[in-house]
Amino acid sequence: MGRGKIVIQRIDDSTSRQVTFSKRRKGLIKKAKELAILCDAEVGLIIFSSTGKLYDFASSSMKSVIDRYNKSKIEQQQLLNPASEVKFWQREAAVLRQELHALQENHRQIMGEQLNGLSVNELNNLENQLELSLRGIRMKKRNLIHQENLELSRKVQRIHQENVELYKKAYTASTNGFIHRELAVADDESQYTQIRLQLSQPEHSDYETPPRASE
């Protein structure tokens, strides 16, 4: 049988109310975590129990979530007023221009340009920044060279192994051919020896040897 429908109203029994609060609170926090992970959402959850105890969850930090919420609310209120909307976008454009100017100036300084107005400390900071960049570039370069050397070493080993296998096959074929030739020569010599032996045997005379005269 399925569970009966629960009437959504305040639970009068304090014990049942506390048990339900504990279960529902854990389930709500679990759902908030799943929502943040599955949907890449920034989630903030604040719960106060009937006794005033605080429970909260934030996918990043609660301060970040609240600041973002307040900023969003202010922007929404400003967008409702056309004059405020114009001022808002003017401020945004000014901030972007300042950031672009700072990036361009930093890029020129990294390239060694427009260094006259910099102090010794600023030049030291710029030098340290360049050293860190060069260190990272060198490390990346060494890693790439190391990987290429490993790949070349593996290729050389494969080629060497293939050459060894080819040498073994060629040596085996050459050895087998030499043995066959030696056997053939030995067989020819054996036949030749048998012919010589046959030719060297004395022929039987058709006449009997006359007896020697008695003295």
C-alpha atoms as a PDB file:
ATOM      1  CA  MET A   1       0.000   0.000   0.000  1.00  0.00           C
ATOM      2  CA  GLY A   2       1.202   3.488  -0.808  1.00  0.00           C
ATOM      3  CA  ARG A   3       1.838   6.138   1.751  1.00  0.00           C
ATOM      4  CA  GLY A   4      -1.104   8.288   2.680  1.00  0.00           C
ATOM      5  CA  LYS A   5      -1.220  11.909   1.636  1.00  0.00           C
ATOM      6  CA  ILE A   6       0.265  14.181   4.289  1.00  0.00           C
ATOM      7  CA  VAL A   7      -1.661  17.307   5.085  1.00  0.00           C
ATOM      8  CA  ILE A   8       0.666  20.300   4.830  1.00  0.00           C
ATOM      9  CA  GLN A   9       0.010  22.098   8.086  1.00  0.00           C
ATOM     10  CA  ARG A  10       1.750  22.681  11.360  1.00  0.00           C
ATOM     11  CA  ILE A  11       2.401  19.498  13.330  1.00  0.00           C
ATOM     12  CA  ASP A  12       1.016  19.912  16.812  1.00  0.00           C
ATOM     13  CA  ASP A  13       3.021  17.180  18.530  1.00  0.00           C
ATOM     14  CA  SER A  14       6.432  18.629  19.382  1.00  0.00           C
ATOM     15  CA  THR A  15       8.263  15.286  19.117  1.00  0.00           C
ATOM     16  CA  SER A  16       6.785  14.487  15.702  1.00  0.00           C
ATOM     17  CA  ARG A  17       7.456  18.057  14.605  1.00  0.00           C
ATOM     18  CA  GLN A  18      11.132  17.789  15.609  1.00  0.00           C
ATOM     19  CA  VAL A  19      11.577  14.400  13.864  1.00  0.00           C
ATOM     20  CA  THR A  20       9.942  15.708  10.692  1.00  0.00           C
ATOM     21  CA  PHE A  21      12.091  18.843  10.799  1.00  0.00           C
ATOM     22  CA  SER A  22      15.275  16.788  11.121  1.00  0.00           C
ATOM     23  CA  LYS A  23      14.375  14.477   8.234  1.00  0.00           C
ATOM     24  CA  ARG A  24      13.150  17.226   5.904  1.00  0.00           C
ATOM     25  CA  ARG A  25      16.130  19.451   6.712  1.00  0.00           C
ATOM     26  CA  LYS A  26      18.609  16.740   5.751  1.00  0.00           C
ATOM     27  CA  GLY A  27      16.688  15.981   2.569  1.00  0.00           C
ATOM     28  CA  LEU A  28      16.531  19.665   1.611  1.00  0.00           C
ATOM     29  CA  ILE A  29      20.275  20.166   2.124  1.00  0.00           C
ATOM     30  CA  LYS A  30      20.966  17.011   0.103  1.00  0.00           C
ATOM     31  CA  LYS A  31      18.817  18.310  -2.761  1.00  0.00           C
ATOM     32  CA  ALA A  32      20.603  21.670  -2.614  1.00  0.00           C
ATOM     33  CA  LYS A  33      24.007  19.944  -2.908  1.00  0.00           C
ATOM     34  CA  GLU A  34      22.812  17.840  -5.829  1.00  0.00           C
ATOM     35  CA  LEU A  35      21.421  20.918  -7.589  1.00  0.00           C
ATOM     36  CA  ALA A  36      24.736  22.747  -7.196  1.00  0.00           C
ATOM     37  CA  ILE A  37      26.791  19.819  -8.519  1.00  0.00           C
ATOM     38  CA  LEU A  38      24.529  18.609 -11.318  1.00  0.00           C
ATOM     39  CA  CYS A  39      23.567  22.016 -12.701  1.00  0.00           C
ATOM     40  CA  ASP A  40      26.702  24.036 -11.822  1.00  0.00           C
ATOM     41  CA  ALA A  41      24.482  26.441  -9.882  1.00  0.00           C
ATOM     42  CA  GLU A  42      25.470  28.707  -7.022  1.00  0.00           C
ATOM     43  CA  VAL A  43      23.154  27.700  -4.193  1.00  0.00           C
ATOM     44  CA  GLY A  44      22.679  29.212  -0.753  1.00  0.00           C
ATOM     45  CA  LEU A  45      20.327  27.717   1.832  1.00  0.00           C
ATOM     46  CA  ILE A  46      19.541  29.162   5.275  1.00  0.00           C
ATOM     47  CA  ILE A  47      17.278  27.397   7.780  1.00  0.00           C
ATOM     48  CA  PHE A  48      16.239  28.489  11.270  1.00  0.00           C
ATOM     49  CA  SER A  49      14.526  25.920  13.441  1.00  0.00           C
ATOM     50  CA  SER A  50      11.595  26.774  15.687  1.00  0.00           C
ATOM     51  CA  THR A  51      14.082  27.004  18.552  1.00  0.00           C
ATOM     52  CA  GLY A  52      16.214  29.513  16.658  1.00  0.00           C
ATOM     53  CA  LYS A  53      19.026  27.119  15.691  1.00  0.00           C
ATOM     54  CA  LEU A  54      20.748  27.959  12.383  1.00  0.00           C
ATOM     55  CA  TYR A  55      21.423  25.450   9.597  1.00  0.00           C
ATOM     56  CA  ASP A  56      22.923  26.589   6.302  1.00  0.00           C
ATOM     57  CA  PHE A  57      24.532  25.351   3.096  1.00  0.00           C
ATOM     58  CA  ALA A  58      26.391  27.245   0.367  1.00  0.00           C
ATOM     59  CA  SER A  59      27.952  25.820  -2.785  1.00  0.00           C
ATOM     60  CA  SER A  60      30.763  28.429  -2.623  1.00  0.00           C
ATOM     61  CA  SER A  61      30.460  30.603   0.475  1.00  0.00           C
ATOM     62  CA  MET A  62      27.427  32.104   2.125  1.00  0.00           C
ATOM     63  CA  LYS A  63      28.920  35.614   1.941  1.00  0.00           C
ATOM     64  CA  SER A  64      29.475  35.256  -1.791  1.00  0.00           C
ATOM     65  CA  VAL A  65      25.920  34.031  -2.327  1.00  0.00           C
ATOM     66  CA  ILE A  66      24.413  36.860  -0.239  1.00  0.00           C
ATOM     67  CA  ASP A  67      26.568  39.524  -1.950  1.00  0.00           C
ATOM     68  CA  ARG A  68      25.541  38.223  -5.327  1.00  0.00           C
ATOM     69  CA  TYR A  69      21.905  38.185  -4.259  1.00  0.00           C
ATOM     70  CA  ASN A  70      22.034  41.781  -3.007  1.00  0.00           C
ATOM     71  CA  LYS A  71      23.790  42.952  -6.170  1.00  0.00           C
ATOM     72  CA  SER A  72      21.242  41.205  -8.335  1.00  0.00           C
ATOM     73  CA  LYS A  73      18.360  42.753  -6.419  1.00  0.00           C
ATOM     74  CA  ILE A  74      19.856  46.251  -6.776  1.00  0.00           C
ATOM     75  CA  GLU A  75      20.408  45.754 -10.496  1.00  0.00           C
ATOM     76  CA  GLN A  76      16.845  44.567 -10.947  1.00  0.00           C
ATOM     77  CA  GLN A  77      15.519  47.621  -9.130  1.00  0.00           C
ATOM     78  CA  GLN A  78      17.689  49.903 -11.226  1.00  0.00           C
ATOM     79  CA  LEU A  79      16.563  48.300 -14.459  1.00  0.00           C
ATOM     80  CA  LEU A  80      12.975  49.100 -13.588  1.00  0.00           C
ATOM     81  CA  ASN A  81      13.855  52.813 -13.936  1.00  0.00           C
ATOM     82  CA  PRO A  82      15.051  53.853 -17.466  1.00  0.00           C
ATOM     83  CA  ALA A  83      17.266  56.623 -16.098  1.00  0.00           C
ATOM     84  CA  SER A  84      18.842  54.265 -13.587  1.00  0.00           C
ATOM     85  CA  GLU A  85      19.391  51.692 -16.335  1.00  0.00           C
ATOM     86  CA  VAL A  86      21.338  54.215 -18.419  1.00  0.00           C
ATOM     87  CA  LYS A  87      23.517  55.147 -15.446  1.00  0.00           C
ATOM     88  CA  PHE A  88      24.105  51.486 -14.657  1.00  0.00           C
ATOM     89  CA  TRP A  89      25.387  50.691 -18.149  1.00  0.00           C
ATOM     90  CA  GLN A  90      27.478  53.855 -18.181  1.00  0.00           C
ATOM     91  CA  ARG A  91      29.193  52.733 -14.989  1.00  0.00           C
ATOM     92  CA  GLU A  92      29.713  49.252 -16.438  1.00  0.00           C
ATOM     93  CA  ALA A  93      31.268  50.729 -19.599  1.00  0.00           C
ATOM     94  CA  ALA A  94      33.567  52.955 -17.534  1.00  0.00           C
ATOM     95  CA  VAL A  95      34.752  49.974 -15.471  1.00  0.00           C
ATOM     96  CA  LEU A  96      35.436  47.952 -18.621  1.00  0.00           C
ATOM     97  CA  ARG A  97      37.409  50.848 -20.160  1.00  0.00           C
ATOM     98  CA  GLN A  98      39.561  51.098 -17.046  1.00  0.00           C
ATOM     99  CA  GLU A  99      40.242  47.355 -17.065  1.00  0.00           C
ATOM    100  CA  LEU A 100      41.139  47.446 -20.758  1.00  0.00           C
ATOM    101  CA  HIS A 101      43.486  50.388 -20.213  1.00  0.00           C
ATOM    102  CA  ALA A 102      45.209  48.608 -17.327  1.00  0.00           C
ATOM    103  CA  LEU A 103      45.653  45.447 -19.404  1.00  0.00           C
ATOM    104  CA  GLN A 104      47.093  47.387 -22.341  1.00  0.00           C
ATOM    105  CA  GLU A 105      49.507  49.252 -20.084  1.00  0.00           C
ATOM    106  CA  ASN A 106      50.612  46.032 -18.404  1.00  0.00           C
ATOM    107  CA  HIS A 107      51.173  44.419 -21.799  1.00  0.00           C
ATOM    108  CA  ARG A 108      53.338  47.332 -22.987  1.00  0.00           C
ATOM    109  CA  GLN A 109      55.408  47.171 -19.810  1.00  0.00           C
ATOM    110  CA  ILE A 110      55.924  43.441 -20.200  1.00  0.00           C
ATOM    111  CA  MET A 111      57.167  44.126 -23.736  1.00  0.00           C
ATOM    112  CA  GLY A 112      59.690  46.621 -22.273  1.00  0.00           C
ATOM    113  CA  GLU A 113      57.843  49.784 -23.289  1.00  0.00           C
ATOM    114  CA  GLN A 114      56.800  52.828 -21.252  1.00  0.00           C
ATOM    115  CA  LEU A 115      58.978  52.049 -18.236  1.00  0.00           C
ATOM    116  CA  ASN A 116      60.025  55.637 -17.475  1.00  0.00           C
ATOM    117  CA  GLY A 117      57.349  56.307 -14.873  1.00  0.00           C
ATOM    118  CA  LEU A 118      57.946  53.104 -12.883  1.00  0.00           C
ATOM    119  CA  SER A 119      59.710  53.057  -9.524  1.00  0.00           C
ATOM    120  CA  VAL A 120      62.398  50.592  -8.494  1.00  0.00           C
ATOM    121  CA  ASN A 121      59.881  48.445  -6.636  1.00  0.00           C
ATOM    122  CA  GLU A 122      57.537  48.406  -9.625  1.00  0.00           C
ATOM    123  CA  LEU A 123      60.412  47.416 -11.908  1.00  0.00           C
ATOM    124  CA  ASN A 124      61.361  44.652  -9.477  1.00  0.00           C
ATOM    125  CA  ASN A 125      57.778  43.383  -9.463  1.00  0.00           C
ATOM    126  CA  LEU A 126      57.728  43.457 -13.255  1.00  0.00           C
ATOM    127  CA  GLU A 127      61.048  41.605 -13.380  1.00  0.00           C
ATOM    128  CA  ASN A 128      59.768  38.963 -10.960  1.00  0.00           C
ATOM    129  CA  GLN A 129      56.627  38.562 -13.049  1.00  0.00           C
ATOM    130  CA  LEU A 130      58.720  38.021 -16.172  1.00  0.00           C
ATOM    131  CA  GLU A 131      60.980  35.559 -14.346  1.00  0.00           C
ATOM    132  CA  LEU A 132      57.966  33.541 -13.232  1.00  0.00           C
ATOM    133  CA  SER A 133      56.627  33.544 -16.787  1.00  0.00           C
ATOM    134  CA  LEU A 134      59.995  32.435 -18.187  1.00  0.00           C
ATOM    135  CA  ARG A 135      60.277  29.734 -15.536  1.00  0.00           C
ATOM    136  CA  GLY A 136      56.892  28.378 -16.510  1.00  0.00           C
ATOM    137  CA  ILE A 137      57.783  28.498 -20.209  1.00  0.00           C
ATOM    138  CA  ARG A 138      61.082  26.689 -19.624  1.00  0.00           C
ATOM    139  CA  MET A 139      59.393  24.028 -17.522  1.00  0.00           C
ATOM    140  CA  LYS A 140      56.777  23.471 -20.225  1.00  0.00           C
ATOM    141  CA  LYS A 141      59.527  23.317 -22.850  1.00  0.00           C
ATOM    142  CA  ARG A 142      61.525  20.756 -20.857  1.00  0.00           C
ATOM    143  CA  ASN A 143      58.449  18.604 -20.388  1.00  0.00           C
ATOM    144  CA  LEU A 144      57.732  18.663 -24.128  1.00  0.00           C
ATOM    145  CA  ILE A 145      61.352  17.812 -24.980  1.00  0.00           C
ATOM    146  CA  HIS A 146      61.324  14.992 -22.430  1.00  0.00           C
ATOM    147  CA  GLN A 147      58.139  13.558 -23.944  1.00  0.00           C
ATOM    148  CA  GLU A 148      59.592  13.806 -27.456  1.00  0.00           C
ATOM    149  CA  ASN A 149      62.803  12.078 -26.329  1.00  0.00           C
ATOM    150  CA  LEU A 150      60.801   9.259 -24.754  1.00  0.00           C
ATOM    151  CA  GLU A 151      58.817   8.822 -27.959  1.00  0.00           C
ATOM    152  CA  LEU A 152      62.004   8.794 -30.068  1.00  0.00           C
ATOM    153  CA  SER A 153      63.585   6.293 -27.677  1.00  0.00           C
ATOM    154  CA  ARG A 154      60.560   3.998 -28.031  1.00  0.00           C
ATOM    155  CA  LYS A 155      60.742   4.272 -31.829  1.00  0.00           C
ATOM    156  CA  VAL A 156      64.472   3.449 -31.813  1.00  0.00           C
ATOM    157  CA  GLN A 157      63.826   0.410 -29.600  1.00  0.00           C
ATOM    158  CA  ARG A 158      61.076  -0.806 -31.924  1.00  0.00           C
ATOM    159  CA  ILE A 159      63.342  -0.389 -34.975  1.00  0.00           C
ATOM    160  CA  HIS A 160      66.180  -2.189 -33.195  1.00  0.00           C
ATOM    161  CA  GLN A 161      63.877  -5.056 -32.254  1.00  0.00           C
ATOM    162  CA  GLU A 162      62.625  -5.302 -35.832  1.00  0.00           C
ATOM    163  CA  ASN A 163      66.226  -5.385 -37.119  1.00  0.00           C
ATOM    164  CA  VAL A 164      67.086  -8.144 -34.648  1.00  0.00           C
ATOM    165  CA  GLU A 165      64.107 -10.194 -35.812  1.00  0.00           C
ATOM    166  CA  LEU A 166      65.038  -9.677 -39.471  1.00  0.00           C
ATOM    167  CA  TYR A 167      68.661 -10.664 -38.744  1.00  0.00           C
ATOM    168  CA  LYS A 168      67.497 -13.833 -37.002  1.00  0.00           C
ATOM    169  CA  LYS A 169      65.268 -14.761 -39.951  1.00  0.00           C
ATOM    170  CA  ALA A 170      68.050 -14.062 -42.485  1.00  0.00           C
ATOM    171  CA  TYR A 171      70.590 -15.994 -40.437  1.00  0.00           C
ATOM    172  CA  THR A 172      68.251 -18.969 -40.089  1.00  0.00           C
ATOM    173  CA  ALA A 173      67.550 -19.012 -43.833  1.00  0.00           C
ATOM    174  CA  SER A 174      71.266 -18.714 -44.660  1.00  0.00           C
ATOM    175  CA  THR A 175      72.223 -21.491 -42.231  1.00  0.00           C
ATOM    176  CA  ASN A 176      69.569 -23.828 -43.600  1.00  0.00           C
ATOM    177  CA  GLY A 177      70.802 -23.184 -47.171  1.00  0.00           C
ATOM    178  CA  PHE A 178      74.386 -23.868 -46.192  1.00  0.00           C
ATOM    179  CA  ILE A 179      73.439 -27.163 -44.528  1.00  0.00           C
ATOM    180  CA  HIS A 180      71.483 -28.269 -47.607  1.00  0.00           C
ATOM    181  CA  ARG A 181      74.464 -27.479 -49.838  1.00  0.00           C
ATOM    182  CA  GLU A 182      76.838 -29.374 -47.559  1.00  0.00           C
ATOM    183  CA  LEU A 183      74.530 -32.401 -47.551  1.00  0.00           C
ATOM    184  CA  ALA A 184      74.287 -32.286 -51.341  1.00  0.00           C
ATOM    185  CA  VAL A 185      78.074 -32.108 -51.736  1.00  0.00           C
ATOM    186  CA  ALA A 186      78.537 -34.925 -49.242  1.00  0.00           C
ATOM    187  CA  ASP A 187      76.034 -37.057 -51.141  1.00  0.00           C
ATOM    188  CA  ASP A 188      77.804 -36.397 -54.448  1.00  0.00           C
ATOM    189  CA  GLU A 189      81.161 -37.313 -52.931  1.00  0.00           C
ATOM    190  CA  SER A 190      79.687 -40.517 -51.487  1.00  0.00           C
ATOM    191  CA  GLN A 191      78.352 -41.521 -54.890  1.00  0.00           C
ATOM    192  CA  TYR A 192      81.675 -40.652 -56.508  1.00  0.00           C
ATOM    193  CA  THR A 193      83.546 -42.764 -53.934  1.00  0.00           C
ATOM    194  CA  GLN A 194      81.254 -45.710 -54.601  1.00  0.00           C
ATOM    195  CA  ILE A 195      81.940 -45.443 -58.362  1.00  0.00           C
ATOM    196  CA  ARG A 196      85.688 -45.340 -57.766  1.00  0.00           C
ATOM    197  CA  LEU A 197      85.484 -48.364 -55.554  1.00  0.00           C
ATOM    198  CA  GLN A 198      83.572 -50.236 -58.176  1.00  0.00           C
ATOM    199  CA  LEU A 199      86.100 -49.317 -60.869  1.00  0.00           C
ATOM    200  CA  SER A 200      89.078 -50.282 -58.741  1.00  0.00           C
ATOM    201  CA  GLN A 201      87.842 -53.822 -57.985  1.00  0.00           C
ATOM    202  CA  PRO A 202      89.748 -56.590 -60.054  1.00  0.00           C
ATOM    203  CA  GLU A 203      87.815 -58.342 -62.758  1.00  0.00           C
ATOM    204  CA  HIS A 204      87.296 -62.122 -62.526  1.00  0.00           C
ATOM    205  CA  SER A 205      89.245 -64.083 -65.253  1.00  0.00           C
ATOM    206  CA  ASP A 206      87.328 -66.445 -67.494  1.00  0.00           C
ATOM    207  CA  TYR A 207      90.277 -68.845 -67.542  1.00  0.00           C
ATOM    208  CA  GLU A 208      91.631 -70.811 -64.701  1.00  0.00           C
ATOM    209  CA  THR A 209      95.250 -70.277 -63.813  1.00  0.00           C
ATOM    210  CA  PRO A 210      97.256 -73.265 -65.130  1.00  0.00           C
ATOM    211  CA  PRO A 211      98.982 -75.282 -62.486  1.00  0.00           C
ATOM    212  CA  ARG A 212     102.684 -74.794 -62.117  1.00  0.00           C
ATOM    213  CA  ALA A 213     104.846 -77.551 -63.543  1.00  0.00           C
ATOM    214  CA  SER A 214     106.415 -79.801 -61.026  1.00  0.00           C
ATOM    215  CA  GLU A 215     110.142 -79.631 -60.870  1.00  0.00           C
END
